[in-house]
Amino acid sequence: MLLPDLLHALADLTGTEPRAAAAATAQALRAAAETDFPRQPPSALSPGILQSAALPGHPAARLIREAHKWLPWQDSPAAALQPTDLRAIKSVVTLLGPGAPIPSRTLRFGLFYQAPNTTYPLHAHAAAETYTILAGSVHWQAADRRFPLTSGEAIHHPPNLPHAMRAGAEGFLAAWRWSGDIGFDSYRMLPDPDV
């Protein structure tokens, strides 16, 4: 099974972030590299996930493609707090966290896919968050800053920073990490001042 290689690659990637929570996340991923994940049913977005994972990008993207059938792609744990139309444009794997295959009460870590040319609107939460783009491209908004991100680039949000994402023409695949207040009670969708 390819999950050990993927978990080690994700640990290596996360371990490059200069934050104590990132180092703890990397350690937890390495320690769980032999975790036995059951085979998963495909997601409705599996074709897009597999296409994005095949794009040139971080080596972890290829490993995500190869291990796809063992990854539990699903709606975000925050889906109940989001407009229902967002479920058709994104999918999430939570690898580490409360109730995840790799249990943690203090950290969350996983994978994120967003379909081509779609927008995940402005939102915020109490967790500190880091996204690292693994394949594809995205136009990011963090508070009033807007900028492109491509494979290998990362963005860190302090708690409660409003942010939004507009996927590029091929969609994008990313790794995400939460620390601090990792509950979903604070998760909120925000009005977009540009609309």
N, C-alpha and C. Protein backbone atom coordinates (compact mmCIF):
# COMPACT_ATOMS: atom_id res chain seq x y z
N MET A 1 0.84 -1.19 0.00
CA MET A 1 0.00 0.00 0.00
C MET A 1 0.89 1.25 0.00
N LEU A 2 0.43 2.33 -0.60
CA LEU A 2 1.22 3.52 -0.81
C LEU A 2 1.05 4.58 0.28
N LEU A 3 0.19 4.33 1.26
CA LEU A 3 -0.03 5.34 2.29
C LEU A 3 1.22 5.66 3.12
N PRO A 4 2.06 4.69 3.48
CA PRO A 4 3.28 5.08 4.22
C PRO A 4 4.12 6.09 3.45
N ASP A 5 4.31 5.89 2.15
CA ASP A 5 5.09 6.85 1.36
C ASP A 5 4.43 8.22 1.36
N LEU A 6 3.10 8.24 1.22
CA LEU A 6 2.38 9.51 1.22
C LEU A 6 2.51 10.21 2.57
N LEU A 7 2.30 9.47 3.66
CA LEU A 7 2.39 10.10 4.98
C LEU A 7 3.78 10.63 5.26
N HIS A 8 4.82 9.91 4.83
CA HIS A 8 6.19 10.41 5.00
C HIS A 8 6.42 11.66 4.16
N ALA A 9 5.92 11.68 2.92
CA ALA A 9 6.09 12.86 2.06
C ALA A 9 5.37 14.06 2.66
N LEU A 10 4.18 13.85 3.19
CA LEU A 10 3.43 14.94 3.81
C LEU A 10 4.11 15.41 5.10
N ALA A 11 4.68 14.47 5.85
CA ALA A 11 5.44 14.84 7.06
C ALA A 11 6.66 15.67 6.68
N ASP A 12 7.37 15.26 5.63
CA ASP A 12 8.54 16.03 5.19
C ASP A 12 8.13 17.45 4.80
N LEU A 13 7.04 17.55 4.05
CA LEU A 13 6.54 18.86 3.62
C LEU A 13 6.14 19.71 4.82
N THR A 14 5.36 19.15 5.72
CA THR A 14 4.88 19.89 6.89
C THR A 14 6.03 20.27 7.81
N GLY A 15 7.03 19.40 7.90
CA GLY A 15 8.17 19.67 8.76
C GLY A 15 9.01 20.85 8.32
N THR A 16 8.83 21.33 7.09
CA THR A 16 9.60 22.50 6.63
C THR A 16 9.00 23.81 7.13
N GLU A 17 7.77 23.76 7.63
CA GLU A 17 7.12 24.98 8.14
C GLU A 17 7.71 25.33 9.50
N PRO A 18 8.15 26.56 9.70
CA PRO A 18 8.85 26.92 10.95
C PRO A 18 7.91 27.23 12.12
N ARG A 19 7.05 26.28 12.47
CA ARG A 19 6.13 26.46 13.59
C ARG A 19 6.11 25.17 14.41
N ALA A 20 5.99 25.30 15.73
CA ALA A 20 6.00 24.13 16.60
C ALA A 20 4.84 23.19 16.26
N ALA A 21 3.67 23.73 15.95
CA ALA A 21 2.52 22.88 15.62
C ALA A 21 2.78 22.10 14.33
N ALA A 22 3.51 22.68 13.39
CA ALA A 22 3.84 21.97 12.16
C ALA A 22 4.79 20.81 12.46
N ALA A 23 5.77 21.05 13.32
CA ALA A 23 6.70 19.97 13.70
C ALA A 23 5.96 18.84 14.39
N ALA A 24 5.01 19.18 15.27
CA ALA A 24 4.22 18.15 15.96
C ALA A 24 3.35 17.39 14.97
N THR A 25 2.80 18.09 13.98
CA THR A 25 2.00 17.42 12.94
C THR A 25 2.86 16.45 12.15
N ALA A 26 4.05 16.91 11.74
CA ALA A 26 4.96 16.04 10.97
C ALA A 26 5.32 14.80 11.78
N GLN A 27 5.58 14.97 13.06
CA GLN A 27 5.92 13.83 13.92
C GLN A 27 4.75 12.84 13.99
N ALA A 28 3.53 13.34 14.13
CA ALA A 28 2.36 12.47 14.20
C ALA A 28 2.14 11.72 12.88
N LEU A 29 2.37 12.38 11.75
CA LEU A 29 2.22 11.72 10.45
C LEU A 29 3.25 10.61 10.29
N ARG A 30 4.50 10.89 10.68
CA ARG A 30 5.56 9.86 10.57
C ARG A 30 5.25 8.66 11.48
N ALA A 31 4.80 8.96 12.70
CA ALA A 31 4.51 7.89 13.65
C ALA A 31 3.38 6.99 13.17
N ALA A 32 2.49 7.54 12.35
CA ALA A 32 1.33 6.78 11.88
C ALA A 32 1.52 6.20 10.49
N ALA A 33 2.73 6.23 9.99
CA ALA A 33 2.96 5.83 8.60
C ALA A 33 2.53 4.40 8.30
N GLU A 34 2.46 3.57 9.30
CA GLU A 34 2.02 2.18 9.07
C GLU A 34 0.54 1.98 9.40
N THR A 35 -0.19 3.06 9.63
CA THR A 35 -1.62 2.96 9.90
C THR A 35 -2.32 2.28 8.73
N ASP A 36 -3.20 1.37 9.04
CA ASP A 36 -3.92 0.63 8.00
C ASP A 36 -5.26 1.31 7.72
N PHE A 37 -5.34 2.01 6.62
CA PHE A 37 -6.59 2.65 6.22
C PHE A 37 -7.40 1.66 5.40
N PRO A 38 -8.68 1.55 5.65
CA PRO A 38 -9.50 0.67 4.79
C PRO A 38 -9.71 1.32 3.42
N ARG A 39 -9.98 0.49 2.45
CA ARG A 39 -10.30 0.98 1.11
C ARG A 39 -11.56 1.85 1.17
N GLN A 40 -11.58 2.95 0.42
CA GLN A 40 -12.68 3.91 0.49
C GLN A 40 -13.46 3.95 -0.83
N PRO A 41 -14.75 4.24 -0.77
CA PRO A 41 -15.50 4.43 -2.02
C PRO A 41 -15.04 5.73 -2.68
N PRO A 42 -15.15 5.82 -4.00
CA PRO A 42 -14.73 7.06 -4.65
C PRO A 42 -15.66 8.20 -4.28
N SER A 43 -15.11 9.40 -4.32
CA SER A 43 -15.88 10.62 -4.11
C SER A 43 -16.53 11.01 -5.43
N ALA A 44 -17.61 11.78 -5.36
CA ALA A 44 -18.20 12.32 -6.58
C ALA A 44 -17.19 13.18 -7.33
N LEU A 45 -16.22 13.73 -6.61
CA LEU A 45 -15.21 14.59 -7.23
C LEU A 45 -13.92 13.83 -7.55
N SER A 46 -13.91 12.51 -7.42
CA SER A 46 -12.69 11.73 -7.69
C SER A 46 -12.08 11.99 -9.06
N PRO A 47 -12.86 12.10 -10.15
CA PRO A 47 -12.22 12.37 -11.44
C PRO A 47 -11.39 13.66 -11.42
N GLY A 48 -11.91 14.72 -10.83
CA GLY A 48 -11.17 15.97 -10.75
C GLY A 48 -9.97 15.87 -9.82
N ILE A 49 -10.14 15.18 -8.69
CA ILE A 49 -9.04 14.98 -7.75
C ILE A 49 -7.89 14.26 -8.46
N LEU A 50 -8.21 13.19 -9.18
CA LEU A 50 -7.18 12.42 -9.88
C LEU A 50 -6.53 13.24 -10.98
N GLN A 51 -7.30 14.07 -11.69
CA GLN A 51 -6.72 14.94 -12.72
C GLN A 51 -5.76 15.95 -12.11
N SER A 52 -6.17 16.58 -11.02
CA SER A 52 -5.29 17.55 -10.37
C SER A 52 -4.03 16.87 -9.83
N ALA A 53 -4.18 15.68 -9.26
CA ALA A 53 -3.03 14.96 -8.71
C ALA A 53 -2.05 14.54 -9.80
N ALA A 54 -2.50 14.47 -11.05
CA ALA A 54 -1.62 14.09 -12.16
C ALA A 54 -0.87 15.30 -12.75
N LEU A 55 -1.22 16.51 -12.33
CA LEU A 55 -0.54 17.70 -12.83
C LEU A 55 0.89 17.74 -12.31
N PRO A 56 1.78 18.44 -13.02
CA PRO A 56 3.11 18.65 -12.45
C PRO A 56 2.97 19.39 -11.12
N GLY A 57 3.74 18.97 -10.15
CA GLY A 57 3.64 19.60 -8.84
C GLY A 57 4.51 18.90 -7.82
N HIS A 58 4.15 19.05 -6.58
CA HIS A 58 4.89 18.43 -5.48
C HIS A 58 4.79 16.91 -5.61
N PRO A 59 5.85 16.16 -5.27
CA PRO A 59 5.79 14.69 -5.35
C PRO A 59 4.64 14.08 -4.56
N ALA A 60 4.17 14.74 -3.52
CA ALA A 60 3.04 14.20 -2.75
C ALA A 60 1.79 14.10 -3.60
N ALA A 61 1.64 14.96 -4.61
CA ALA A 61 0.45 14.91 -5.47
C ALA A 61 0.38 13.56 -6.19
N ARG A 62 1.50 13.11 -6.72
CA ARG A 62 1.53 11.80 -7.39
C ARG A 62 1.17 10.69 -6.41
N LEU A 63 1.67 10.79 -5.19
CA LEU A 63 1.37 9.77 -4.17
C LEU A 63 -0.11 9.80 -3.78
N ILE A 64 -0.71 10.99 -3.77
CA ILE A 64 -2.15 11.09 -3.51
C ILE A 64 -2.92 10.36 -4.60
N ARG A 65 -2.49 10.53 -5.84
CA ARG A 65 -3.13 9.84 -6.95
C ARG A 65 -3.03 8.32 -6.78
N GLU A 66 -1.84 7.85 -6.42
CA GLU A 66 -1.61 6.41 -6.30
C GLU A 66 -2.34 5.81 -5.09
N ALA A 67 -2.51 6.61 -4.03
CA ALA A 67 -3.16 6.10 -2.80
C ALA A 67 -4.63 6.51 -2.72
N HIS A 68 -5.17 7.05 -3.79
CA HIS A 68 -6.52 7.63 -3.78
C HIS A 68 -7.57 6.68 -3.20
N LYS A 69 -7.53 5.43 -3.52
CA LYS A 69 -8.58 4.50 -3.08
C LYS A 69 -8.57 4.22 -1.59
N TRP A 70 -7.52 4.68 -0.88
CA TRP A 70 -7.47 4.52 0.58
C TRP A 70 -7.74 5.84 1.32
N LEU A 71 -7.94 6.91 0.59
CA LEU A 71 -8.13 8.22 1.22
C LEU A 71 -9.63 8.53 1.34
N PRO A 72 -10.09 8.88 2.54
CA PRO A 72 -11.52 9.13 2.76
C PRO A 72 -11.95 10.55 2.35
N TRP A 73 -12.03 10.78 1.02
CA TRP A 73 -12.48 12.07 0.52
C TRP A 73 -13.96 12.26 0.86
N GLN A 74 -14.31 13.43 1.36
CA GLN A 74 -15.69 13.69 1.78
C GLN A 74 -15.93 15.19 1.88
N ASP A 75 -17.15 15.55 2.25
CA ASP A 75 -17.43 16.95 2.57
C ASP A 75 -16.55 17.37 3.73
N SER A 76 -16.25 18.64 3.79
CA SER A 76 -15.51 19.18 4.92
C SER A 76 -16.28 18.93 6.20
N PRO A 77 -15.58 18.72 7.33
CA PRO A 77 -16.28 18.63 8.60
C PRO A 77 -17.10 19.89 8.90
N ALA A 78 -16.77 21.01 8.24
CA ALA A 78 -17.52 22.25 8.42
C ALA A 78 -18.65 22.40 7.41
N ALA A 79 -18.95 21.36 6.63
CA ALA A 79 -19.94 21.46 5.55
C ALA A 79 -21.31 21.92 6.04
N ALA A 80 -21.69 21.52 7.22
CA ALA A 80 -23.00 21.92 7.74
C ALA A 80 -23.08 23.43 7.99
N LEU A 81 -21.93 24.08 8.08
CA LEU A 81 -21.89 25.52 8.32
C LEU A 81 -21.76 26.32 7.03
N GLN A 82 -21.69 25.63 5.89
CA GLN A 82 -21.43 26.27 4.61
C GLN A 82 -22.65 26.16 3.69
N PRO A 83 -22.76 27.05 2.70
CA PRO A 83 -23.84 26.90 1.71
C PRO A 83 -23.75 25.53 1.03
N THR A 84 -24.88 24.90 0.76
CA THR A 84 -24.88 23.55 0.20
C THR A 84 -24.22 23.48 -1.17
N ASP A 85 -24.21 24.56 -1.95
CA ASP A 85 -23.59 24.49 -3.27
C ASP A 85 -22.08 24.32 -3.20
N LEU A 86 -21.46 24.57 -2.06
CA LEU A 86 -20.01 24.37 -1.93
C LEU A 86 -19.65 22.89 -1.96
N ARG A 87 -20.58 22.02 -1.60
CA ARG A 87 -20.28 20.58 -1.58
C ARG A 87 -19.96 20.05 -2.97
N ALA A 88 -20.44 20.72 -4.00
CA ALA A 88 -20.21 20.27 -5.37
C ALA A 88 -18.86 20.73 -5.92
N ILE A 89 -18.14 21.58 -5.20
CA ILE A 89 -16.89 22.13 -5.75
C ILE A 89 -15.64 21.73 -4.99
N LYS A 90 -15.79 21.09 -3.82
CA LYS A 90 -14.60 20.79 -3.03
C LYS A 90 -14.77 19.48 -2.27
N SER A 91 -13.65 18.90 -1.93
CA SER A 91 -13.64 17.68 -1.14
C SER A 91 -12.42 17.72 -0.23
N VAL A 92 -12.55 17.07 0.94
CA VAL A 92 -11.52 17.13 1.97
C VAL A 92 -11.21 15.73 2.48
N VAL A 93 -9.97 15.49 2.80
CA VAL A 93 -9.56 14.31 3.57
C VAL A 93 -9.00 14.83 4.89
N THR A 94 -9.53 14.37 6.00
CA THR A 94 -8.95 14.68 7.30
C THR A 94 -8.16 13.44 7.73
N LEU A 95 -6.84 13.56 7.72
CA LEU A 95 -5.97 12.44 8.10
C LEU A 95 -5.68 12.42 9.58
N LEU A 96 -5.56 13.61 10.18
CA LEU A 96 -5.15 13.76 11.58
C LEU A 96 -6.14 14.67 12.28
N GLY A 97 -6.63 14.26 13.44
CA GLY A 97 -7.54 15.11 14.20
C GLY A 97 -8.52 14.29 15.00
N PRO A 98 -9.43 14.94 15.70
CA PRO A 98 -10.45 14.20 16.44
C PRO A 98 -11.31 13.37 15.49
N GLY A 99 -11.42 12.08 15.74
CA GLY A 99 -12.22 11.20 14.89
C GLY A 99 -11.58 10.82 13.57
N ALA A 100 -10.36 11.26 13.31
CA ALA A 100 -9.66 10.96 12.05
C ALA A 100 -8.92 9.62 12.18
N PRO A 101 -8.46 9.07 11.04
CA PRO A 101 -7.69 7.83 11.11
C PRO A 101 -6.44 7.92 12.00
N ILE A 102 -5.83 9.13 12.05
CA ILE A 102 -4.71 9.38 12.96
C ILE A 102 -5.26 10.31 14.04
N PRO A 103 -5.57 9.78 15.22
CA PRO A 103 -6.25 10.60 16.23
C PRO A 103 -5.34 11.69 16.82
N SER A 104 -5.92 12.87 17.03
CA SER A 104 -5.26 13.96 17.75
C SER A 104 -6.35 14.85 18.32
N ARG A 105 -6.18 15.30 19.54
CA ARG A 105 -7.13 16.24 20.14
C ARG A 105 -6.71 17.68 19.94
N THR A 106 -5.46 17.91 19.49
CA THR A 106 -4.93 19.27 19.44
C THR A 106 -4.55 19.76 18.05
N LEU A 107 -4.56 18.87 17.06
CA LEU A 107 -4.14 19.23 15.70
C LEU A 107 -5.10 18.63 14.69
N ARG A 108 -5.20 19.27 13.53
CA ARG A 108 -5.90 18.70 12.38
C ARG A 108 -4.98 18.85 11.17
N PHE A 109 -5.03 17.85 10.29
CA PHE A 109 -4.24 17.89 9.07
C PHE A 109 -4.95 17.06 8.01
N GLY A 110 -4.88 17.53 6.78
CA GLY A 110 -5.49 16.75 5.71
C GLY A 110 -5.19 17.30 4.34
N LEU A 111 -6.01 16.88 3.40
CA LEU A 111 -5.87 17.25 2.00
C LEU A 111 -7.13 17.97 1.55
N PHE A 112 -6.99 18.80 0.53
CA PHE A 112 -8.10 19.62 0.06
C PHE A 112 -8.05 19.65 -1.47
N TYR A 113 -9.20 19.48 -2.08
CA TYR A 113 -9.33 19.63 -3.54
C TYR A 113 -10.44 20.63 -3.82
N GLN A 114 -10.18 21.52 -4.80
CA GLN A 114 -11.22 22.44 -5.26
C GLN A 114 -11.27 22.37 -6.78
N ALA A 115 -12.49 22.26 -7.31
CA ALA A 115 -12.72 22.09 -8.75
C ALA A 115 -12.29 23.33 -9.54
N PRO A 116 -12.00 23.15 -10.83
CA PRO A 116 -11.54 24.25 -11.67
C PRO A 116 -12.52 25.42 -11.71
N ASN A 117 -11.95 26.62 -11.70
CA ASN A 117 -12.69 27.88 -11.89
C ASN A 117 -13.85 28.06 -10.91
N THR A 118 -13.68 27.59 -9.70
CA THR A 118 -14.71 27.75 -8.67
C THR A 118 -14.18 28.60 -7.53
N THR A 119 -15.09 29.19 -6.79
CA THR A 119 -14.71 30.06 -5.66
C THR A 119 -15.23 29.48 -4.36
N TYR A 120 -14.34 29.36 -3.39
CA TYR A 120 -14.71 29.07 -2.01
C TYR A 120 -14.77 30.45 -1.34
N PRO A 121 -15.95 30.91 -0.95
CA PRO A 121 -16.10 32.30 -0.53
C PRO A 121 -15.39 32.63 0.78
N LEU A 122 -15.40 33.91 1.09
CA LEU A 122 -14.75 34.43 2.28
C LEU A 122 -15.30 33.75 3.53
N HIS A 123 -14.37 33.30 4.38
CA HIS A 123 -14.73 32.62 5.62
C HIS A 123 -13.60 32.81 6.62
N ALA A 124 -13.84 32.43 7.86
CA ALA A 124 -12.83 32.55 8.91
C ALA A 124 -13.13 31.53 10.00
N HIS A 125 -12.12 31.27 10.82
CA HIS A 125 -12.25 30.33 11.94
C HIS A 125 -11.15 30.61 12.94
N ALA A 126 -11.34 30.12 14.15
CA ALA A 126 -10.39 30.39 15.23
C ALA A 126 -9.08 29.63 15.09
N ALA A 127 -9.05 28.55 14.33
CA ALA A 127 -7.81 27.79 14.15
C ALA A 127 -6.81 28.58 13.33
N ALA A 128 -5.54 28.50 13.71
CA ALA A 128 -4.47 28.95 12.83
C ALA A 128 -4.37 27.91 11.72
N GLU A 129 -4.08 28.34 10.50
CA GLU A 129 -4.16 27.42 9.35
C GLU A 129 -3.02 27.67 8.37
N THR A 130 -2.50 26.59 7.84
CA THR A 130 -1.52 26.66 6.76
C THR A 130 -2.00 25.80 5.62
N TYR A 131 -2.00 26.34 4.42
CA TYR A 131 -2.26 25.59 3.19
C TYR A 131 -0.97 25.54 2.39
N THR A 132 -0.64 24.37 1.83
CA THR A 132 0.47 24.23 0.89
C THR A 132 -0.10 23.65 -0.40
N ILE A 133 0.10 24.34 -1.49
CA ILE A 133 -0.42 23.90 -2.78
C ILE A 133 0.45 22.76 -3.29
N LEU A 134 -0.19 21.65 -3.64
CA LEU A 134 0.53 20.46 -4.13
C LEU A 134 0.47 20.36 -5.65
N ALA A 135 -0.61 20.80 -6.25
CA ALA A 135 -0.76 20.75 -7.72
C ALA A 135 -1.84 21.74 -8.12
N GLY A 136 -1.71 22.28 -9.32
CA GLY A 136 -2.68 23.25 -9.81
C GLY A 136 -2.35 24.65 -9.32
N SER A 137 -3.32 25.54 -9.46
CA SER A 137 -3.10 26.93 -9.06
C SER A 137 -4.39 27.49 -8.47
N VAL A 138 -4.22 28.57 -7.71
CA VAL A 138 -5.34 29.19 -7.02
C VAL A 138 -5.03 30.67 -6.84
N HIS A 139 -6.07 31.47 -6.90
CA HIS A 139 -5.93 32.89 -6.57
C HIS A 139 -6.48 33.05 -5.15
N TRP A 140 -5.62 33.47 -4.23
CA TRP A 140 -5.94 33.49 -2.81
C TRP A 140 -6.29 34.90 -2.35
N GLN A 141 -7.20 34.97 -1.41
CA GLN A 141 -7.49 36.22 -0.72
C GLN A 141 -7.26 35.97 0.76
N ALA A 142 -6.46 36.82 1.38
CA ALA A 142 -6.23 36.78 2.82
C ALA A 142 -6.44 38.20 3.33
N ALA A 143 -7.55 38.43 4.03
CA ALA A 143 -7.98 39.78 4.42
C ALA A 143 -8.10 40.60 3.14
N ASP A 144 -7.37 41.70 3.00
CA ASP A 144 -7.50 42.52 1.79
C ASP A 144 -6.39 42.25 0.77
N ARG A 145 -5.54 41.27 1.03
CA ARG A 145 -4.48 40.90 0.08
C ARG A 145 -4.99 39.83 -0.87
N ARG A 146 -4.63 39.94 -2.15
CA ARG A 146 -5.00 38.94 -3.16
C ARG A 146 -3.75 38.61 -3.96
N PHE A 147 -3.54 37.30 -4.18
CA PHE A 147 -2.30 36.88 -4.84
C PHE A 147 -2.45 35.45 -5.35
N PRO A 148 -1.68 35.10 -6.38
CA PRO A 148 -1.72 33.72 -6.89
C PRO A 148 -0.80 32.82 -6.08
N LEU A 149 -1.17 31.54 -6.01
CA LEU A 149 -0.32 30.51 -5.42
C LEU A 149 -0.28 29.33 -6.38
N THR A 150 0.89 28.73 -6.53
CA THR A 150 1.04 27.55 -7.36
C THR A 150 1.76 26.48 -6.57
N SER A 151 1.97 25.34 -7.20
CA SER A 151 2.57 24.18 -6.55
C SER A 151 3.84 24.54 -5.78
N GLY A 152 3.88 24.07 -4.54
CA GLY A 152 5.04 24.30 -3.68
C GLY A 152 4.94 25.54 -2.81
N GLU A 153 3.98 26.42 -3.11
CA GLU A 153 3.84 27.64 -2.32
C GLU A 153 2.85 27.41 -1.18
N ALA A 154 3.05 28.17 -0.10
CA ALA A 154 2.21 28.00 1.09
C ALA A 154 1.73 29.35 1.58
N ILE A 155 0.63 29.32 2.33
CA ILE A 155 0.07 30.50 2.98
C ILE A 155 -0.31 30.11 4.40
N HIS A 156 0.03 30.96 5.36
CA HIS A 156 -0.34 30.72 6.76
C HIS A 156 -1.31 31.82 7.19
N HIS A 157 -2.41 31.43 7.83
CA HIS A 157 -3.39 32.38 8.36
C HIS A 157 -3.36 32.34 9.88
N PRO A 158 -3.22 33.48 10.52
CA PRO A 158 -3.44 33.49 11.96
C PRO A 158 -4.92 33.28 12.25
N PRO A 159 -5.28 33.01 13.49
CA PRO A 159 -6.69 32.80 13.82
C PRO A 159 -7.58 33.96 13.36
N ASN A 160 -8.76 33.59 12.85
CA ASN A 160 -9.83 34.52 12.48
C ASN A 160 -9.52 35.43 11.30
N LEU A 161 -8.49 35.15 10.52
CA LEU A 161 -8.20 35.95 9.33
C LEU A 161 -9.17 35.56 8.22
N PRO A 162 -9.96 36.48 7.68
CA PRO A 162 -10.85 36.15 6.57
C PRO A 162 -10.03 35.73 5.34
N HIS A 163 -10.48 34.66 4.69
CA HIS A 163 -9.77 34.20 3.49
C HIS A 163 -10.75 33.52 2.54
N ALA A 164 -10.37 33.49 1.26
CA ALA A 164 -11.18 32.89 0.20
C ALA A 164 -10.24 32.36 -0.87
N MET A 165 -10.74 31.43 -1.70
CA MET A 165 -9.91 30.82 -2.74
C MET A 165 -10.68 30.73 -4.06
N ARG A 166 -10.04 31.11 -5.15
CA ARG A 166 -10.59 30.95 -6.50
C ARG A 166 -9.64 30.01 -7.24
N ALA A 167 -10.12 28.79 -7.54
CA ALA A 167 -9.29 27.78 -8.21
C ALA A 167 -8.99 28.20 -9.64
N GLY A 168 -7.81 27.83 -10.11
CA GLY A 168 -7.42 28.07 -11.49
C GLY A 168 -8.12 27.12 -12.45
N ALA A 169 -7.71 27.16 -13.70
CA ALA A 169 -8.38 26.41 -14.76
C ALA A 169 -8.27 24.90 -14.61
N GLU A 170 -7.31 24.42 -13.81
CA GLU A 170 -7.15 22.97 -13.61
C GLU A 170 -7.56 22.55 -12.20
N GLY A 171 -8.12 23.46 -11.42
CA GLY A 171 -8.40 23.15 -10.03
C GLY A 171 -7.11 23.15 -9.24
N PHE A 172 -7.21 22.77 -7.97
CA PHE A 172 -5.98 22.64 -7.19
C PHE A 172 -6.15 21.62 -6.08
N LEU A 173 -5.01 21.10 -5.68
CA LEU A 173 -4.89 20.11 -4.62
C LEU A 173 -3.92 20.69 -3.60
N ALA A 174 -4.26 20.60 -2.32
CA ALA A 174 -3.42 21.20 -1.28
C ALA A 174 -3.41 20.32 -0.04
N ALA A 175 -2.39 20.53 0.78
CA ALA A 175 -2.36 20.00 2.15
C ALA A 175 -2.74 21.16 3.06
N TRP A 176 -3.51 20.87 4.12
CA TRP A 176 -3.88 21.91 5.08
C TRP A 176 -3.57 21.44 6.49
N ARG A 177 -3.32 22.40 7.36
CA ARG A 177 -2.99 22.10 8.75
C ARG A 177 -3.64 23.12 9.66
N TRP A 178 -4.30 22.65 10.72
CA TRP A 178 -4.90 23.53 11.74
C TRP A 178 -4.22 23.29 13.07
N SER A 179 -4.09 24.37 13.84
CA SER A 179 -3.62 24.27 15.23
C SER A 179 -4.33 25.34 16.06
N GLY A 180 -4.13 25.27 17.37
CA GLY A 180 -4.83 26.20 18.27
C GLY A 180 -6.23 25.69 18.54
N ASP A 181 -7.23 26.53 18.34
CA ASP A 181 -8.62 26.15 18.54
C ASP A 181 -9.10 25.42 17.29
N ILE A 182 -9.03 24.08 17.32
CA ILE A 182 -9.33 23.29 16.11
C ILE A 182 -10.79 22.85 16.03
N GLY A 183 -11.63 23.35 16.91
CA GLY A 183 -13.06 23.04 16.83
C GLY A 183 -13.71 23.82 15.70
N PHE A 184 -14.93 23.43 15.36
CA PHE A 184 -15.65 24.10 14.27
C PHE A 184 -16.68 25.11 14.76
N ASP A 185 -16.78 25.32 16.07
CA ASP A 185 -17.77 26.25 16.60
C ASP A 185 -17.57 27.67 16.07
N SER A 186 -16.32 28.04 15.81
CA SER A 186 -16.03 29.41 15.38
C SER A 186 -16.10 29.59 13.86
N TYR A 187 -16.27 28.49 13.10
CA TYR A 187 -16.24 28.56 11.64
C TYR A 187 -17.42 29.39 11.15
N ARG A 188 -17.13 30.38 10.31
CA ARG A 188 -18.23 31.23 9.82
C ARG A 188 -17.96 31.70 8.40
N MET A 189 -19.00 31.74 7.62
CA MET A 189 -18.96 32.32 6.28
C MET A 189 -19.16 33.82 6.44
N LEU A 190 -18.47 34.60 5.62
CA LEU A 190 -18.48 36.05 5.76
C LEU A 190 -19.01 36.71 4.49
N PRO A 191 -19.62 37.88 4.63
CA PRO A 191 -20.04 38.60 3.42
C PRO A 191 -18.81 39.08 2.65
N ASP A 192 -18.88 39.01 1.34
CA ASP A 192 -17.77 39.46 0.49
C ASP A 192 -18.00 40.94 0.18
N PRO A 193 -17.09 41.82 0.59
CA PRO A 193 -17.31 43.25 0.34
C PRO A 193 -17.28 43.61 -1.15
N ASP A 194 -16.78 42.72 -2.00
CA ASP A 194 -16.69 43.00 -3.43
C ASP A 194 -17.94 42.58 -4.19
N VAL A 195 -18.89 41.93 -3.49
CA VAL A 195 -20.11 41.46 -4.18
C VAL A 195 -21.22 42.47 -4.00
